[in-house]
Amino acid sequence: MRAIWKGAVTFGLVNVPVKLYSATEDHDVGLHQVHDTDGGRIRYQRRCEVCGKVVDYGHIAKAYDDGERTVVLTPDDLDALPVERSREIDVVEFVPRDQIDPIMYEHAYYLEPDSKSVKSYRLLVRVLEESDRVAVVSFSLRQRTRLAALRVRGDVLLLQVLRWDDEVREPEFPSLDETPRITAKELEMASALVASFESDFEPEKFTDDYQVQLRTLIDAKLEHGDAVDTAATFGEEPEEDSGGDAEVVDLMEVLRRSVERSRGGSEEKDGAGTRSGAGEKATSTKKATARKPPAKKTPASKTPVKKTSDRATAKRTTAKKSTSAKAADKAS
């Protein structure tokens, strides 16, 4: 990794020299635009609307236009701002982790000690771990003042940029003004469905299927050219029925079927597939044990069993008749 910024974390009189590294990267396959008839690369030109000339990137400046006047801001102008010259990540306060809404989180950066002595770095790591808090900090990066949360990941300081409060939109949806009645049974079934999906989050279990398939398609086209049959390569899966209008769907029936499917108890074959997992297998086994069906009898064993049963019935009938006859004789 390459450091993109150098500075220092400061809290009180403590100074922790650090280097800043991007903590994440994009794994998407890089694509570009071409002319569909000959494959020629499509490139965009930066052309001036006044003189009509193509402008090199080095001669492009930023500007603000209020509708009547244009103010040009050169890189030197922006670099001269006092806040841009600051190289400090200033700790403003230490707050409980759960007080920061996840919607505010943006880019993440790793901080590496930029000094032969890492004692102050380790000290800050220990303080954050033992206090179970995150440090709210302010700093400047790439011509922007930023707010961030400084926390510990493993044994490394992680700087998570935060959105400003006025950058988070308030949800205003008239459809949520209605408060539909939710029955206890519906809540119970929904809770059972949630319980059937419970697990510990392991991010390595998940893959970006679209990027995997895109790479497979690219490799196939590199090998076979445009003769590749995309439909044959990936197959065509039928689209799942969304169930129609949400207001018309029988919610209890949908919940019941969802719980059965997630537990492996549903025998419906609607093309949607089934979910598998250790928890679901255990549930399926438990259900199978609780409702174990009687063993089926083979055709060969049915006839003897029936004959034996008929003989026993005949004997009981004969004995009953004899007893009735004797009783009649005594009476006479």
Protein backbone atom coordinates (compact mmCIF):
# COMPACT_ATOMS: atom_id res chain seq x y z
CA MET A 1 0.00 0.00 0.00
CA ARG A 2 1.06 3.58 -0.64
CA ALA A 3 0.55 6.34 1.93
CA ILE A 4 -1.70 9.13 0.63
CA TRP A 5 -1.22 11.59 3.51
CA LYS A 6 1.09 12.22 6.44
CA GLY A 7 0.29 14.06 9.63
CA ALA A 8 -0.27 13.49 13.33
CA VAL A 9 -3.11 12.57 15.68
CA THR A 10 -3.24 15.06 18.55
CA PHE A 11 -5.20 14.84 21.79
CA GLY A 12 -4.20 17.26 24.49
CA LEU A 13 -0.43 17.62 24.32
CA VAL A 14 0.02 14.07 22.99
CA ASN A 15 1.21 13.91 19.39
CA VAL A 16 1.07 10.66 17.37
CA PRO A 17 2.79 10.91 13.93
CA VAL A 18 0.93 8.76 11.39
CA LYS A 19 0.68 7.85 7.71
CA LEU A 20 -2.72 7.51 6.06
CA TYR A 21 -3.60 4.55 3.80
CA SER A 22 -6.86 3.70 2.05
CA ALA A 23 -8.39 0.75 3.91
CA THR A 24 -10.63 -0.46 1.08
CA GLU A 25 -10.44 -1.05 -2.66
CA ASP A 26 -12.85 -1.66 -5.50
CA HIS A 27 -12.88 -5.20 -6.90
CA ASP A 28 -15.09 -4.45 -9.92
CA VAL A 29 -13.81 -5.46 -13.36
CA GLY A 30 -12.65 -2.34 -15.19
CA LEU A 31 -14.65 -1.60 -18.34
CA HIS A 32 -14.39 1.24 -20.86
CA GLN A 33 -16.48 2.52 -23.76
CA VAL A 34 -15.80 1.56 -27.39
CA HIS A 35 -17.42 2.01 -30.81
CA ASP A 36 -19.63 -1.08 -31.25
CA THR A 37 -18.81 -1.50 -34.97
CA ASP A 38 -14.99 -1.48 -34.88
CA GLY A 39 -14.07 -1.58 -31.18
CA GLY A 40 -12.38 1.80 -31.29
CA ARG A 41 -11.88 3.41 -27.86
CA ILE A 42 -14.21 6.31 -27.03
CA ARG A 43 -12.40 9.20 -25.37
CA TYR A 44 -13.74 12.48 -24.06
CA GLN A 45 -12.06 15.78 -24.76
CA ARG A 46 -12.01 18.78 -22.43
CA ARG A 47 -12.98 21.53 -24.82
CA CYS A 48 -13.32 25.21 -23.89
CA GLU A 49 -16.73 26.68 -24.74
CA VAL A 50 -15.21 30.13 -25.41
CA CYS A 51 -12.24 29.47 -27.73
CA GLY A 52 -13.19 25.95 -28.80
CA LYS A 53 -9.72 24.55 -28.06
CA VAL A 54 -9.00 21.24 -26.34
CA VAL A 55 -7.56 22.10 -22.89
CA ASP A 56 -4.82 20.08 -21.18
CA TYR A 57 -5.57 18.99 -17.62
CA GLY A 58 -2.75 21.22 -16.33
CA HIS A 59 -4.59 24.31 -17.53
CA ILE A 60 -7.91 23.42 -15.92
CA ALA A 61 -8.87 25.37 -12.80
CA LYS A 62 -11.90 25.27 -10.50
CA ALA A 63 -14.39 28.11 -10.46
CA TYR A 64 -17.59 29.30 -8.82
CA ASP A 65 -20.37 30.82 -10.90
CA ASP A 66 -23.15 32.82 -9.22
CA GLY A 67 -25.05 33.24 -12.46
CA GLU A 68 -23.58 36.62 -13.36
CA ARG A 69 -19.91 36.38 -12.48
CA THR A 70 -17.32 33.62 -12.50
CA VAL A 71 -14.59 33.41 -9.85
CA VAL A 72 -11.61 31.26 -10.87
CA LEU A 73 -9.80 29.44 -8.04
CA THR A 74 -6.35 28.14 -8.91
CA PRO A 75 -4.62 25.27 -7.08
CA ASP A 76 -2.35 27.83 -5.42
CA ASP A 77 -5.41 29.70 -4.11
CA LEU A 78 -6.85 26.56 -2.57
CA ASP A 79 -3.51 25.43 -1.09
CA ALA A 80 -3.16 28.83 0.59
CA LEU A 81 -6.23 28.27 2.78
CA PRO A 82 -5.10 27.86 6.42
CA VAL A 83 -7.17 24.73 7.03
CA GLU A 84 -5.66 23.00 3.98
CA ARG A 85 -2.15 23.50 5.31
CA SER A 86 -3.01 21.75 8.57
CA ARG A 87 -1.46 18.31 9.03
CA GLU A 88 -3.19 17.43 12.26
CA ILE A 89 -5.96 14.95 13.04
CA ASP A 90 -7.36 16.76 16.04
CA VAL A 91 -9.33 14.76 18.62
CA VAL A 92 -12.46 16.71 19.52
CA GLU A 93 -14.12 14.28 21.92
CA PHE A 94 -14.45 10.62 22.89
CA VAL A 95 -17.96 9.20 22.48
CA PRO A 96 -19.70 5.81 22.89
CA ARG A 97 -19.52 3.80 19.68
CA ASP A 98 -23.29 3.22 19.48
CA GLN A 99 -24.02 6.95 19.41
CA ILE A 100 -22.75 7.22 15.82
CA ASP A 101 -25.41 6.21 13.32
CA PRO A 102 -23.87 3.87 10.67
CA ILE A 103 -25.47 5.99 7.94
CA MET A 104 -22.84 8.63 8.67
CA TYR A 105 -19.87 6.38 7.87
CA GLU A 106 -17.99 6.95 4.61
CA HIS A 107 -14.45 6.04 3.49
CA ALA A 108 -12.09 4.21 5.83
CA TYR A 109 -8.34 4.73 6.22
CA TYR A 110 -5.65 2.87 8.14
CA LEU A 111 -3.20 4.84 10.25
CA GLU A 112 0.39 3.58 10.50
CA PRO A 113 2.89 4.96 13.03
CA ASP A 114 5.24 7.38 11.29
CA SER A 115 7.95 7.36 13.94
CA LYS A 116 10.67 5.09 15.29
CA SER A 117 8.86 5.12 18.64
CA VAL A 118 5.36 3.67 18.53
CA LYS A 119 4.62 4.12 22.22
CA SER A 120 2.20 7.03 21.77
CA TYR A 121 0.41 5.07 19.00
CA ARG A 122 0.06 2.01 21.24
CA LEU A 123 -1.11 4.22 24.08
CA LEU A 124 -3.94 5.64 21.97
CA VAL A 125 -4.94 2.12 20.88
CA ARG A 126 -5.11 0.97 24.52
CA VAL A 127 -7.09 4.00 25.63
CA LEU A 128 -9.72 3.48 22.93
CA GLU A 129 -9.99 -0.26 23.66
CA GLU A 130 -10.28 0.04 27.42
CA SER A 131 -12.69 2.97 27.35
CA ASP A 132 -14.83 1.26 24.67
CA ARG A 133 -15.19 4.60 22.93
CA VAL A 134 -14.33 6.13 19.59
CA ALA A 135 -12.59 9.45 19.09
CA VAL A 136 -14.41 12.06 17.02
CA VAL A 137 -11.71 13.95 15.10
CA SER A 138 -11.48 16.73 12.52
CA PHE A 139 -8.84 17.07 9.81
CA SER A 140 -8.31 18.30 6.25
CA LEU A 141 -7.75 16.06 3.25
CA ARG A 142 -7.88 16.84 -0.48
CA GLN A 143 -9.21 20.36 -0.07
CA ARG A 144 -11.99 19.38 2.28
CA THR A 145 -12.49 19.69 6.02
CA ARG A 146 -13.60 16.33 7.30
CA LEU A 147 -15.16 14.83 10.38
CA ALA A 148 -14.17 11.29 11.26
CA ALA A 149 -14.36 8.55 13.87
CA LEU A 150 -11.07 7.13 15.09
CA ARG A 151 -11.41 3.57 16.32
CA VAL A 152 -9.43 0.35 16.68
CA ARG A 153 -9.57 -2.55 14.21
CA GLY A 154 -7.45 -5.46 15.34
CA ASP A 155 -4.41 -3.61 16.65
CA VAL A 156 -4.49 -0.82 14.06
CA LEU A 157 -6.05 2.64 14.28
CA LEU A 158 -8.82 3.05 11.71
CA LEU A 159 -10.01 6.48 10.60
CA GLN A 160 -13.61 6.36 9.35
CA VAL A 161 -14.72 9.56 7.60
CA LEU A 162 -18.18 10.76 8.66
CA ARG A 163 -20.78 12.67 6.72
CA TRP A 164 -21.74 16.05 8.11
CA ASP A 165 -25.09 16.21 9.83
CA ASP A 166 -26.68 18.32 7.08
CA GLU A 167 -25.59 15.78 4.45
CA VAL A 168 -27.93 13.10 5.84
CA ARG A 169 -31.42 13.39 4.40
CA GLU A 170 -34.52 13.01 6.54
CA PRO A 171 -36.90 10.33 5.23
CA GLU A 172 -40.27 11.84 4.38
CA PHE A 173 -42.60 9.15 3.07
CA PRO A 174 -46.36 9.83 3.25
CA SER A 175 -46.99 6.10 2.84
CA LEU A 176 -45.53 5.53 6.33
CA ASP A 177 -48.14 7.80 7.94
CA GLU A 178 -50.49 4.83 8.00
CA THR A 179 -50.19 2.41 10.92
CA PRO A 180 -51.56 -0.99 9.89
CA ARG A 181 -52.63 -3.44 12.59
CA ILE A 182 -50.12 -6.25 13.13
CA THR A 183 -51.56 -9.28 14.88
CA ALA A 184 -49.75 -11.26 17.55
CA LYS A 185 -49.75 -14.31 15.27
CA GLU A 186 -48.10 -12.38 12.43
CA LEU A 187 -45.44 -11.09 14.80
CA GLU A 188 -44.87 -14.60 16.13
CA MET A 189 -44.46 -16.05 12.64
CA ALA A 190 -42.13 -13.22 11.59
CA SER A 191 -40.01 -13.79 14.72
CA ALA A 192 -39.84 -17.50 13.90
CA LEU A 193 -38.69 -16.64 10.38
CA VAL A 194 -35.96 -14.35 11.76
CA ALA A 195 -34.86 -17.07 14.19
CA SER A 196 -34.53 -19.58 11.33
CA PHE A 197 -32.05 -17.21 9.59
CA GLU A 198 -29.99 -16.36 12.68
CA SER A 199 -26.23 -16.70 12.23
CA ASP A 200 -22.90 -15.03 12.95
CA PHE A 201 -21.78 -12.64 10.22
CA GLU A 202 -18.82 -14.04 8.27
CA PRO A 203 -18.11 -11.70 5.32
CA GLU A 204 -15.84 -14.23 3.62
CA LYS A 205 -18.88 -16.45 2.95
CA PHE A 206 -20.32 -13.94 0.49
CA THR A 207 -19.17 -13.32 -3.07
CA ASP A 208 -20.00 -10.73 -5.71
CA ASP A 209 -21.74 -13.09 -8.15
CA TYR A 210 -22.10 -10.46 -10.86
CA GLN A 211 -18.35 -9.76 -10.98
CA VAL A 212 -17.55 -13.49 -11.00
CA GLN A 213 -19.93 -14.07 -13.92
CA LEU A 214 -18.63 -10.99 -15.72
CA ARG A 215 -15.07 -12.28 -15.46
CA THR A 216 -16.22 -15.71 -16.72
CA LEU A 217 -17.90 -14.04 -19.70
CA ILE A 218 -14.80 -11.97 -20.50
CA ASP A 219 -12.54 -15.04 -20.31
CA ALA A 220 -14.91 -16.97 -22.60
CA LYS A 221 -14.96 -14.16 -25.14
CA LEU A 222 -11.17 -13.85 -25.02
CA GLU A 223 -10.92 -17.54 -25.84
CA HIS A 224 -13.77 -17.99 -28.32
CA GLY A 225 -14.56 -14.46 -29.53
CA ASP A 226 -18.10 -13.31 -30.23
CA ALA A 227 -19.19 -16.90 -30.94
CA VAL A 228 -19.86 -17.38 -27.22
CA ASP A 229 -23.48 -18.31 -26.46
CA THR A 230 -24.15 -16.32 -23.32
CA ALA A 231 -27.46 -18.04 -22.57
CA ALA A 232 -25.84 -21.48 -22.85
CA THR A 233 -22.87 -20.40 -20.73
CA PHE A 234 -24.90 -19.23 -17.77
CA GLY A 235 -28.31 -20.78 -18.35
CA GLU A 236 -31.55 -18.90 -18.07
CA GLU A 237 -33.14 -18.92 -14.64
CA PRO A 238 -36.87 -18.22 -14.41
CA GLU A 239 -37.76 -15.02 -12.65
CA GLU A 240 -39.36 -15.45 -9.26
CA ASP A 241 -42.93 -14.32 -8.88
CA SER A 242 -42.94 -11.32 -6.56
CA GLY A 243 -46.31 -12.35 -5.25
CA GLY A 244 -48.27 -9.54 -6.88
CA ASP A 245 -49.54 -6.47 -5.12
CA ALA A 246 -48.25 -6.34 -1.55
CA GLU A 247 -51.68 -5.21 -0.33
CA VAL A 248 -53.37 -8.31 -1.77
CA VAL A 249 -50.89 -10.93 -0.52
CA ASP A 250 -51.98 -13.04 2.47
CA LEU A 251 -49.20 -12.06 4.87
CA MET A 252 -49.74 -14.98 7.24
CA GLU A 253 -49.57 -17.49 4.38
CA VAL A 254 -46.36 -15.91 3.05
CA LEU A 255 -44.80 -16.00 6.53
CA ARG A 256 -45.84 -19.61 7.07
CA ARG A 257 -44.38 -20.75 3.76
CA SER A 258 -41.19 -18.76 4.38
CA VAL A 259 -40.67 -20.39 7.78
CA GLU A 260 -41.28 -23.86 6.33
CA ARG A 261 -38.87 -23.26 3.46
CA SER A 262 -36.13 -21.85 5.67
CA ARG A 263 -36.45 -24.83 8.02
CA GLY A 264 -36.32 -27.29 5.17
CA GLY A 265 -39.86 -28.53 5.85
CA SER A 266 -41.47 -27.26 2.67
CA GLU A 267 -41.93 -29.69 -0.20
CA GLU A 268 -43.08 -27.04 -2.64
CA LYS A 269 -41.20 -26.95 -5.90
CA ASP A 270 -41.67 -23.47 -7.25
CA GLY A 271 -38.21 -23.04 -8.76
CA ALA A 272 -37.06 -20.74 -5.97
CA GLY A 273 -34.69 -23.30 -4.46
CA THR A 274 -34.10 -24.10 -0.79
CA ARG A 275 -31.71 -22.77 1.78
CA SER A 276 -29.21 -25.03 3.49
CA GLY A 277 -27.22 -24.71 6.67
CA ALA A 278 -26.26 -26.43 9.87
CA GLY A 279 -29.06 -24.79 11.84
CA GLU A 280 -31.65 -25.69 9.22
CA LYS A 281 -30.47 -29.30 9.05
CA ALA A 282 -30.77 -29.58 12.81
CA THR A 283 -34.30 -28.15 12.70
CA SER A 284 -35.28 -30.50 9.88
CA THR A 285 -33.95 -33.49 11.84
CA LYS A 286 -35.84 -32.41 14.93
CA LYS A 287 -39.09 -32.08 12.97
CA ALA A 288 -38.57 -35.43 11.30
CA THR A 289 -38.04 -37.09 14.72
CA ALA A 290 -41.09 -35.44 16.24
CA ARG A 291 -43.36 -36.57 13.42
CA LYS A 292 -41.82 -39.82 12.29
CA PRO A 293 -44.10 -41.51 9.73
CA PRO A 294 -44.93 -45.21 10.19
CA ALA A 295 -42.82 -47.64 8.21
CA LYS A 296 -44.40 -48.76 4.96
CA LYS A 297 -45.28 -52.44 4.68
CA THR A 298 -44.20 -54.36 1.62
CA PRO A 299 -46.86 -55.94 -0.60
CA ALA A 300 -45.60 -59.44 0.33
CA SER A 301 -46.35 -58.94 4.01
CA LYS A 302 -49.85 -57.51 3.55
CA THR A 303 -51.59 -60.82 2.58
CA PRO A 304 -50.36 -62.99 5.55
CA VAL A 305 -51.17 -60.28 8.00
CA LYS A 306 -54.65 -59.91 6.60
CA LYS A 307 -55.24 -63.71 6.61
CA THR A 308 -54.15 -64.02 10.21
CA SER A 309 -56.42 -61.19 11.12
CA ASP A 310 -59.37 -62.88 9.28
CA ARG A 311 -58.79 -66.24 11.08
CA ALA A 312 -58.73 -64.52 14.45
CA THR A 313 -61.96 -62.73 13.63
CA ALA A 314 -63.58 -65.97 12.48
CA LYS A 315 -62.58 -67.81 15.67
CA ARG A 316 -63.94 -65.02 17.85
CA THR A 317 -67.23 -65.08 15.88
CA THR A 318 -67.57 -68.89 16.20
CA ALA A 319 -66.84 -68.83 19.93
CA LYS A 320 -69.40 -66.09 20.41
CA LYS A 321 -72.05 -68.09 18.55
CA SER A 322 -71.34 -71.24 20.68
CA THR A 323 -71.68 -69.28 23.89
CA SER A 324 -74.97 -67.78 22.70
CA ALA A 325 -76.33 -71.25 21.76
CA LYS A 326 -75.48 -72.74 25.18
CA ALA A 327 -77.15 -69.86 26.92
CA ALA A 328 -80.30 -70.43 24.86
CA ASP A 329 -80.40 -74.17 25.80
CA LYS A 330 -80.18 -73.38 29.53
CA ALA A 331 -82.95 -70.86 29.23
CA SER A 332 -85.24 -73.39 27.58
